[in-house]
């Protein structure tokens, strides 16, 4: 398992999704794979919603 993870990574929708080729346990959630990119986009969406 990769770690340490960014805050909220393991509880994210990206972590729970079964739509990605790389398994959650193999992802570092920094954006280098599709799961990591989905996590980063999810985080951006949450920040935009807070700012609105």
C-alpha atoms as a PDB file:
ATOM      1  CA  UNK A   1       0.000   0.000   0.000  1.00  0.00           C
ATOM      2  CA  UNK A   2       1.157   3.497  -0.861  1.00  0.00           C
ATOM      3  CA  UNK A   3       1.110   6.285   1.697  1.00  0.00           C
ATOM      4  CA  UNK A   4       0.946   8.733   3.319  1.00  0.00           C
ATOM      5  CA  UNK A   5      -2.195   9.866   1.540  1.00  0.00           C
ATOM      6  CA  UNK A   6      -3.541  13.380   1.077  1.00  0.00           C
ATOM      7  CA  UNK A   7      -6.302  14.259   3.569  1.00  0.00           C
ATOM      8  CA  UNK A   8      -9.620  12.718   2.549  1.00  0.00           C
ATOM      9  CA  UNK A   9      -8.145  10.434  -0.097  1.00  0.00           C
ATOM     10  CA  UNK A  10      -9.337   7.112   1.286  1.00  0.00           C
ATOM     11  CA  UNK A  11     -12.841   8.412   2.056  1.00  0.00           C
ATOM     12  CA  UNK A  12     -13.277   9.990  -1.389  1.00  0.00           C
ATOM     13  CA  UNK A  13     -15.614   8.907  -4.175  1.00  0.00           C
ATOM     14  CA  UNK A  14     -12.512   8.234  -6.289  1.00  0.00           C
ATOM     15  CA  UNK A  15     -11.237   5.742  -3.709  1.00  0.00           C
ATOM     16  CA  UNK A  16     -14.605   3.962  -3.550  1.00  0.00           C
ATOM     17  CA  UNK A  17     -15.099   3.813  -7.320  1.00  0.00           C
ATOM     18  CA  UNK A  18     -14.688   0.596  -9.285  1.00  0.00           C
ATOM     19  CA  UNK A  19     -14.314   2.493 -12.575  1.00  0.00           C
ATOM     20  CA  UNK A  20     -10.512   2.673 -12.586  1.00  0.00           C
ATOM     21  CA  UNK A  21      -7.862   0.187 -13.702  1.00  0.00           C
ATOM     22  CA  UNK A  22      -5.510   0.849 -10.795  1.00  0.00           C
ATOM     23  CA  UNK A  23      -6.648  -0.447  -7.404  1.00  0.00           C
ATOM     24  CA  UNK A  24      -7.150   1.958  -4.508  1.00  0.00           C
ATOM     25  CA  UNK A  25      -4.346   0.251  -2.596  1.00  0.00           C
ATOM     26  CA  UNK A  26      -1.905   1.043  -5.421  1.00  0.00           C
ATOM     27  CA  UNK A  27      -2.888   4.693  -5.861  1.00  0.00           C
ATOM     28  CA  UNK A  28      -1.013   7.598  -4.259  1.00  0.00           C
ATOM     29  CA  UNK A  29      -3.838  10.073  -5.091  1.00  0.00           C
ATOM     30  CA  UNK A  30      -1.463  12.702  -6.471  1.00  0.00           C
ATOM     31  CA  UNK A  31      -2.842  12.767 -10.022  1.00  0.00           C
ATOM     32  CA  UNK A  32      -0.450  10.427 -11.830  1.00  0.00           C
ATOM     33  CA  UNK A  33      -3.272   7.983 -12.729  1.00  0.00           C
ATOM     34  CA  UNK A  34      -6.972   8.273 -13.549  1.00  0.00           C
ATOM     35  CA  UNK A  35      -8.030   7.505  -9.950  1.00  0.00           C
ATOM     36  CA  UNK A  36      -5.658  10.173  -8.632  1.00  0.00           C
ATOM     37  CA  UNK A  37      -6.908  12.696 -11.178  1.00  0.00           C
ATOM     38  CA  UNK A  38     -10.509  11.938 -10.192  1.00  0.00           C
ATOM     39  CA  UNK A  39      -9.592  12.531  -6.544  1.00  0.00           C
ATOM     40  CA  UNK A  40      -7.966  15.873  -7.333  1.00  0.00           C
ATOM     41  CA  UNK A  41     -10.981  16.971  -9.399  1.00  0.00           C
ATOM     42  CA  UNK A  42     -13.266  15.919  -6.551  1.00  0.00           C
ATOM     43  CA  UNK A  43     -11.209  18.049  -4.158  1.00  0.00           C
ATOM     44  CA  UNK A  44     -11.378  21.033  -6.518  1.00  0.00           C
ATOM     45  CA  UNK A  45     -15.155  20.681  -6.805  1.00  0.00           C
ATOM     46  CA  UNK A  46     -15.492  20.661  -3.018  1.00  0.00           C
ATOM     47  CA  UNK A  47     -13.412  23.849  -2.731  1.00  0.00           C
ATOM     48  CA  UNK A  48     -15.457  25.590  -5.419  1.00  0.00           C
ATOM     49  CA  UNK A  49     -18.687  24.661  -3.621  1.00  0.00           C
ATOM     50  CA  UNK A  50     -17.316  26.066  -0.346  1.00  0.00           C
ATOM     51  CA  UNK A  51     -16.353  29.329  -2.059  1.00  0.00           C
ATOM     52  CA  UNK A  52     -19.790  29.780  -3.662  1.00  0.00           C
END
